[in-house]
């Protein structure tokens, strides 16, 4: 089915569960089977799997600091359930000062 992404295209507002500190997102279409949204000034893309599910595409260079610290988006999911959208983002970070790496995730719930 082409253009499944149209099910996701909308503006969404956080409804109190802002585990990612994202108050609102605006999802737009990107081709027939991808969507995109801005996260801290950078577009994040997801592949649409169905009318209710999309997989966030990994971004190895999501954030790189001058000291060599970095954050990568390693994946995640976007699930649409009626007027509610749940987004989980998986991160991998490297702290150059401490020479330590760690993984994290956050989940936020939005409504249309």
Protein backbone atom coordinates (compact mmCIF):
# COMPACT_ATOMS: atom_id res chain seq x y z
CA UNK A 1 0.00 0.00 0.00
CA UNK A 2 1.53 3.31 -1.05
CA UNK A 3 1.48 6.43 1.09
CA UNK A 4 0.85 4.70 4.41
CA UNK A 5 2.75 7.66 5.86
CA UNK A 6 -0.34 9.86 5.44
CA UNK A 7 -1.78 8.22 8.57
CA UNK A 8 1.06 9.80 10.61
CA UNK A 9 1.18 13.26 9.06
CA UNK A 10 -0.07 15.74 11.65
CA UNK A 11 0.91 18.02 14.51
CA UNK A 12 1.03 16.31 17.89
CA UNK A 13 1.20 17.69 21.42
CA UNK A 14 2.65 15.92 24.46
CA UNK A 15 -0.06 14.94 26.93
CA UNK A 16 1.93 14.89 30.15
CA UNK A 17 4.15 11.88 29.41
CA UNK A 18 7.18 13.69 28.04
CA UNK A 19 9.97 11.25 28.81
CA UNK A 20 11.96 12.76 25.97
CA UNK A 21 11.16 16.37 26.96
CA UNK A 22 9.41 16.84 23.61
CA UNK A 23 6.36 19.06 24.04
CA UNK A 24 5.18 18.81 20.43
CA UNK A 25 6.17 17.31 17.08
CA UNK A 26 5.04 17.95 13.54
CA UNK A 27 5.29 14.85 11.37
CA UNK A 28 5.49 15.32 7.63
CA UNK A 29 5.65 12.90 4.72
CA UNK A 30 8.98 12.05 3.12
CA UNK A 31 8.41 9.96 0.01
CA UNK A 32 5.90 7.12 -0.13
CA UNK A 33 7.05 5.16 2.90
CA UNK A 34 8.93 7.53 5.20
CA UNK A 35 8.05 10.31 7.61
CA UNK A 36 10.20 12.95 9.28
CA UNK A 37 10.07 15.29 12.27
CA UNK A 38 12.40 17.83 13.85
CA UNK A 39 14.23 16.87 17.04
CA UNK A 40 16.50 19.59 18.48
CA UNK A 41 16.80 21.22 15.06
CA UNK A 42 17.68 18.02 13.17
CA UNK A 43 15.30 15.98 11.04
CA UNK A 44 14.78 12.42 12.23
CA UNK A 45 13.37 9.93 9.72
CA UNK A 46 11.27 6.81 10.14
CA UNK A 47 10.24 4.05 7.76
CA UNK A 48 6.52 3.41 7.80
CA UNK A 49 5.74 -0.29 8.24
CA UNK A 50 1.95 -0.07 8.38
CA UNK A 51 -0.85 2.43 9.00
CA UNK A 52 -0.04 2.24 12.73
CA UNK A 53 3.69 1.54 13.03
CA UNK A 54 6.96 3.11 11.89
CA UNK A 55 10.62 2.36 12.67
CA UNK A 56 12.99 5.23 13.42
CA UNK A 57 16.03 5.12 11.15
CA UNK A 58 19.39 5.11 12.94
CA UNK A 59 21.46 8.29 12.78
CA UNK A 60 25.09 7.60 13.83
CA UNK A 61 26.06 11.30 13.76
CA UNK A 62 22.92 12.77 15.34
CA UNK A 63 25.03 15.01 17.63
CA UNK A 64 28.80 15.46 17.73
CA UNK A 65 30.47 17.95 20.08
CA UNK A 66 33.81 19.69 19.54
CA UNK A 67 35.40 17.60 22.34
CA UNK A 68 34.47 14.35 20.57
CA UNK A 69 31.42 13.56 22.67
CA UNK A 70 28.58 12.24 20.56
CA UNK A 71 25.03 10.97 20.58
CA UNK A 72 23.63 8.56 18.03
CA UNK A 73 20.03 7.57 17.46
CA UNK A 74 20.19 3.80 17.15
CA UNK A 75 16.53 3.20 16.37
CA UNK A 76 13.11 3.31 17.93
CA UNK A 77 9.43 3.04 17.12
CA UNK A 78 6.46 5.27 16.44
CA UNK A 79 3.04 3.74 17.08
CA UNK A 80 -0.22 5.40 16.11
CA UNK A 81 -3.37 4.42 18.02
CA UNK A 82 -6.28 6.58 16.93
CA UNK A 83 -5.48 10.14 18.01
CA UNK A 84 -2.63 9.00 20.26
CA UNK A 85 0.97 8.56 19.12
CA UNK A 86 3.67 6.85 21.19
CA UNK A 87 7.31 7.41 20.27
CA UNK A 88 10.28 5.55 21.73
CA UNK A 89 13.77 6.70 20.73
CA UNK A 90 16.89 4.59 21.37
CA UNK A 91 20.15 6.46 21.94
CA UNK A 92 23.83 5.60 22.25
CA UNK A 93 26.10 8.28 23.73
CA UNK A 94 29.81 8.72 24.20
CA UNK A 95 31.23 11.12 26.81
CA UNK A 96 34.72 12.09 25.67
CA UNK A 97 35.66 13.66 29.03
CA UNK A 98 34.89 10.46 30.92
CA UNK A 99 35.75 8.14 28.01
CA UNK A 100 32.49 6.29 28.66
CA UNK A 101 29.70 5.06 26.44
CA UNK A 102 26.15 4.32 27.46
CA UNK A 103 22.79 3.44 25.94
CA UNK A 104 19.47 5.03 26.82
CA UNK A 105 15.91 5.29 25.61
CA UNK A 106 12.96 7.56 26.18
CA UNK A 107 9.27 7.33 25.44
CA UNK A 108 6.78 10.12 24.90
CA UNK A 109 3.05 10.03 24.27
CA UNK A 110 1.37 12.64 22.08
CA UNK A 111 -2.13 13.44 20.91
CA UNK A 112 -3.49 15.16 17.80
